[in-house]
């Protein structure tokens, strides 16, 4: 199997970054998307402490992501027990690093971020002024609410796309769709609660994809082997 050039993955990140920044920094899209979940009369987000949103959409979906990570780790351990699974060892450990590394990177960015959650903003009954991305440098005691951490859990499952794309293209594509859908669902749940804006979740997806694209470029989950006469015959050469 000869690995193709995959520089387009990083190119996508470079092209999308200014577009995402422009859309959210020069429009009121964030406010428009979160407006249906804010009650102006009570000056609060009614779904913030809803049991379903907290137990199922927050804790439950997070546990699903954790369970997937445990299964991947279990598969990795089994590659040392089942000889026939040895060739799965590298992609499995790659996916583990991608899942853990991308979510930890988002967590680190949140920790140093000066941006607040919607429910902390004065226009939504809180105390802090609204600031756009890069409007001010992070300051001590900032909001620590950007990018979206909960959504990053779902987006981290994009690791399956990168880990499978050269051996099971169809499964990789399905994995990508599922990861994006789960990440947006987890992010949307936080929007409903007033915990994040849409931009927080979109940037979270961007951070996760960019991290994995760089990891894929520097240390791919599959090692290309030299082409053989059989490969040439198969490819019609």
Protein backbone atom coordinates (compact mmCIF):
# COMPACT_ATOMS: atom_id res chain seq x y z
CA UNK A 1 0.00 0.00 0.00
CA UNK A 2 1.54 3.29 -1.07
CA UNK A 3 0.40 6.32 0.91
CA UNK A 4 -0.68 9.28 -1.14
CA UNK A 5 0.36 12.87 -0.55
CA UNK A 6 -2.05 14.30 2.00
CA UNK A 7 -0.98 17.91 2.25
CA UNK A 8 -4.55 18.94 1.44
CA UNK A 9 -5.49 18.16 5.05
CA UNK A 10 -3.35 21.00 6.37
CA UNK A 11 -4.31 23.18 3.42
CA UNK A 12 -7.96 22.86 4.45
CA UNK A 13 -7.07 24.16 7.92
CA UNK A 14 -5.11 27.11 6.54
CA UNK A 15 -7.89 28.06 4.16
CA UNK A 16 -10.72 27.68 6.65
CA UNK A 17 -9.12 29.59 9.55
CA UNK A 18 -9.46 33.11 8.08
CA UNK A 19 -12.92 32.28 6.73
CA UNK A 20 -14.17 31.11 10.13
CA UNK A 21 -12.64 34.15 11.81
CA UNK A 22 -14.21 36.54 9.31
CA UNK A 23 -17.70 35.02 9.55
CA UNK A 24 -17.91 35.05 13.32
CA UNK A 25 -16.04 38.31 13.91
CA UNK A 26 -17.94 40.35 11.33
CA UNK A 27 -21.47 39.02 11.78
CA UNK A 28 -23.93 38.44 14.62
CA UNK A 29 -24.22 34.75 13.78
CA UNK A 30 -23.27 33.65 17.29
CA UNK A 31 -25.95 35.80 18.89
CA UNK A 32 -28.57 34.75 16.34
CA UNK A 33 -27.92 31.04 16.84
CA UNK A 34 -28.10 31.20 20.64
CA UNK A 35 -31.03 33.61 20.88
CA UNK A 36 -33.77 30.93 20.81
CA UNK A 37 -32.39 29.40 24.02
CA UNK A 38 -32.21 32.62 26.05
CA UNK A 39 -35.17 33.89 28.08
CA UNK A 40 -35.08 37.68 28.19
CA UNK A 41 -37.70 37.86 30.94
CA UNK A 42 -35.71 35.80 33.44
CA UNK A 43 -32.39 36.90 31.92
CA UNK A 44 -31.18 33.33 31.93
CA UNK A 45 -30.86 30.16 29.89
CA UNK A 46 -33.77 27.96 31.09
CA UNK A 47 -32.08 24.73 29.96
CA UNK A 48 -28.85 25.41 31.86
CA UNK A 49 -29.64 23.07 34.76
CA UNK A 50 -32.10 20.80 32.98
CA UNK A 51 -31.55 17.17 34.12
CA UNK A 52 -31.74 15.76 30.59
CA UNK A 53 -29.22 18.27 29.25
CA UNK A 54 -26.85 17.66 32.14
CA UNK A 55 -27.22 13.91 32.56
CA UNK A 56 -27.70 12.73 28.99
CA UNK A 57 -26.39 15.40 26.63
CA UNK A 58 -23.42 16.38 28.77
CA UNK A 59 -22.38 13.53 31.05
CA UNK A 60 -23.87 10.73 28.94
CA UNK A 61 -22.32 11.72 25.62
CA UNK A 62 -19.01 12.39 27.33
CA UNK A 63 -19.04 8.85 28.73
CA UNK A 64 -19.70 7.46 25.25
CA UNK A 65 -16.55 9.17 24.00
CA UNK A 66 -14.60 7.86 27.00
CA UNK A 67 -15.95 4.35 26.33
CA UNK A 68 -14.78 4.55 22.71
CA UNK A 69 -11.33 5.53 23.93
CA UNK A 70 -11.30 2.57 26.34
CA UNK A 71 -12.27 0.20 23.54
CA UNK A 72 -9.45 1.52 21.34
CA UNK A 73 -7.02 1.10 24.23
CA UNK A 74 -8.31 -2.42 24.79
CA UNK A 75 -7.72 -3.23 21.12
CA UNK A 76 -4.20 -1.87 21.43
CA UNK A 77 -3.49 -4.13 24.42
CA UNK A 78 -4.85 -7.13 22.53
CA UNK A 79 -2.30 -6.60 19.77
CA UNK A 80 0.28 -7.88 22.27
CA UNK A 81 -1.84 -10.92 23.06
CA UNK A 82 -3.24 -11.91 19.67
CA UNK A 83 -0.41 -12.21 17.13
CA UNK A 84 -2.78 -11.80 14.18
CA UNK A 85 -3.69 -8.31 15.43
CA UNK A 86 -0.10 -7.09 15.54
CA UNK A 87 -0.48 -5.04 12.36
CA UNK A 88 -3.26 -3.03 14.05
CA UNK A 89 -0.93 -1.82 16.81
CA UNK A 90 0.39 1.30 15.14
CA UNK A 91 -2.99 2.69 13.94
CA UNK A 92 -4.60 1.95 17.31
CA UNK A 93 -1.93 3.76 19.33
CA UNK A 94 -2.05 6.58 16.76
CA UNK A 95 -5.80 6.97 17.29
CA UNK A 96 -5.34 6.94 21.06
CA UNK A 97 -2.74 9.71 20.85
CA UNK A 98 -4.93 11.67 18.43
CA UNK A 99 -8.02 11.43 20.66
CA UNK A 100 -6.19 12.27 23.88
CA UNK A 101 -3.90 14.88 22.36
CA UNK A 102 -6.59 16.83 20.54
CA UNK A 103 -8.91 17.03 23.55
CA UNK A 104 -6.04 18.02 25.83
CA UNK A 105 -5.01 20.73 23.40
CA UNK A 106 -8.53 22.17 23.44
CA UNK A 107 -8.51 21.98 27.24
CA UNK A 108 -5.19 23.86 27.36
CA UNK A 109 -6.51 26.56 25.03
CA UNK A 110 -9.59 26.92 27.23
CA UNK A 111 -7.39 27.32 30.29
CA UNK A 112 -5.54 30.30 28.83
CA UNK A 113 -8.53 31.82 27.04
CA UNK A 114 -9.93 35.18 28.08
CA UNK A 115 -13.28 34.59 26.37
CA UNK A 116 -16.36 34.04 28.52
CA UNK A 117 -19.28 31.63 28.21
CA UNK A 118 -22.55 33.19 27.02
CA UNK A 119 -24.15 32.77 30.45
CA UNK A 120 -21.37 34.95 31.93
CA UNK A 121 -21.97 37.84 29.53
CA UNK A 122 -23.83 40.96 30.63
CA UNK A 123 -26.21 40.80 27.67
CA UNK A 124 -27.34 37.37 28.88
CA UNK A 125 -27.74 38.21 32.56
CA UNK A 126 -24.10 37.80 33.53
CA UNK A 127 -21.33 40.25 34.38
CA UNK A 128 -18.70 40.17 31.63
CA UNK A 129 -18.52 42.23 28.43
CA UNK A 130 -18.78 40.48 25.07
CA UNK A 131 -15.47 40.18 23.22
CA UNK A 132 -14.69 38.70 19.85
CA UNK A 133 -11.80 36.38 19.11
CA UNK A 134 -8.41 38.15 19.26
CA UNK A 135 -10.09 41.40 20.30
CA UNK A 136 -8.00 41.42 23.46
CA UNK A 137 -5.17 39.27 24.65
CA UNK A 138 -6.04 36.68 27.32
CA UNK A 139 -5.93 38.10 30.83
CA UNK A 140 -5.73 36.55 34.26
CA UNK A 141 -9.15 35.59 35.50
CA UNK A 142 -10.60 35.43 31.99
CA UNK A 143 -13.58 33.37 30.96
CA UNK A 144 -11.70 30.21 30.04
CA UNK A 145 -14.58 29.21 27.78
CA UNK A 146 -13.02 28.96 24.33
CA UNK A 147 -12.87 26.74 22.34
CA UNK A 148 -15.70 24.33 23.15
CA UNK A 149 -14.35 21.55 25.33
CA UNK A 150 -17.43 19.33 25.38
CA UNK A 151 -17.72 19.37 21.59
CA UNK A 152 -14.05 18.44 21.24
CA UNK A 153 -14.85 15.02 22.68
CA UNK A 154 -17.11 14.20 19.76
CA UNK A 155 -14.78 15.79 17.23
CA UNK A 156 -11.85 13.78 18.62
CA UNK A 157 -13.39 10.67 17.06
CA UNK A 158 -12.22 12.06 13.72
CA UNK A 159 -9.16 10.00 14.67
CA UNK A 160 -10.97 7.06 13.09
CA UNK A 161 -11.01 8.86 9.76
CA UNK A 162 -7.28 9.42 9.83
CA UNK A 163 -6.56 5.98 11.24
CA UNK A 164 -8.66 4.04 8.72
CA UNK A 165 -8.60 6.08 5.52
CA UNK A 166 -5.83 4.07 3.84
CA UNK A 167 -7.11 0.63 4.78
CA UNK A 168 -10.91 1.03 5.00
CA UNK A 169 -11.86 4.16 3.09
CA UNK A 170 -15.61 3.64 3.47
CA UNK A 171 -15.38 3.09 7.22
CA UNK A 172 -13.11 6.11 7.51
CA UNK A 173 -15.70 8.29 5.77
CA UNK A 174 -18.43 6.99 8.04
CA UNK A 175 -16.22 7.68 11.05
CA UNK A 176 -15.69 11.25 9.89
CA UNK A 177 -19.41 11.88 9.48
CA UNK A 178 -20.21 10.34 12.87
CA UNK A 179 -17.47 12.37 14.61
CA UNK A 180 -18.63 15.64 13.07
CA UNK A 181 -22.27 14.88 13.89
CA UNK A 182 -21.49 13.87 17.46
CA UNK A 183 -19.24 16.87 18.01
CA UNK A 184 -21.87 19.28 16.74
CA UNK A 185 -24.58 17.56 18.81
CA UNK A 186 -22.47 17.87 21.94
CA UNK A 187 -21.64 21.47 21.06
CA UNK A 188 -25.27 22.30 20.33
CA UNK A 189 -26.31 20.90 23.69
CA UNK A 190 -23.91 23.36 25.31
CA UNK A 191 -25.34 26.18 23.22
CA UNK A 192 -28.83 25.32 24.45
CA UNK A 193 -27.55 25.49 28.03
CA UNK A 194 -25.82 28.83 27.35
CA UNK A 195 -22.36 27.40 27.87
CA UNK A 196 -20.95 28.09 24.40
CA UNK A 197 -21.49 30.00 21.19
CA UNK A 198 -21.52 28.25 17.83
CA UNK A 199 -18.10 29.74 17.05
CA UNK A 200 -16.64 28.03 20.12
CA UNK A 201 -17.67 24.66 18.70
CA UNK A 202 -16.60 25.40 15.14
CA UNK A 203 -13.16 26.47 16.34
CA UNK A 204 -13.00 23.34 18.47
CA UNK A 205 -13.52 21.24 15.34
CA UNK A 206 -10.83 23.26 13.58
CA UNK A 207 -8.32 22.73 16.40
CA UNK A 208 -8.98 18.98 16.52
CA UNK A 209 -8.73 18.57 12.74
CA UNK A 210 -5.56 20.66 12.52
CA UNK A 211 -3.89 18.76 15.35
CA UNK A 212 -4.69 15.41 13.73
CA UNK A 213 -3.67 16.60 10.26
CA UNK A 214 -0.28 17.69 11.61
CA UNK A 215 0.13 14.44 13.55
CA UNK A 216 -0.84 12.51 10.43
CA UNK A 217 1.73 14.41 8.38
CA UNK A 218 4.55 14.01 10.91
CA UNK A 219 3.80 10.48 12.06
CA UNK A 220 1.18 8.67 9.94
CA UNK A 221 -0.78 5.76 11.43
CA UNK A 222 0.37 3.49 8.60
CA UNK A 223 3.86 3.05 7.23
CA UNK A 224 4.11 2.96 3.48
CA UNK A 225 5.94 -0.05 2.11
CA UNK A 226 7.91 -0.02 -1.15
CA UNK A 227 5.82 -0.80 -4.20
CA UNK A 228 6.14 -4.32 -5.59
CA UNK A 229 5.65 -5.82 -9.04
CA UNK A 230 2.33 -7.17 -7.75
CA UNK A 231 1.25 -3.62 -6.89
CA UNK A 232 2.16 -2.41 -10.34
CA UNK A 233 0.23 -5.24 -11.96
CA UNK A 234 -2.77 -4.53 -9.72
CA UNK A 235 -2.70 -0.82 -10.59
CA UNK A 236 -2.55 -1.56 -14.29
CA UNK A 237 0.98 -0.25 -14.71
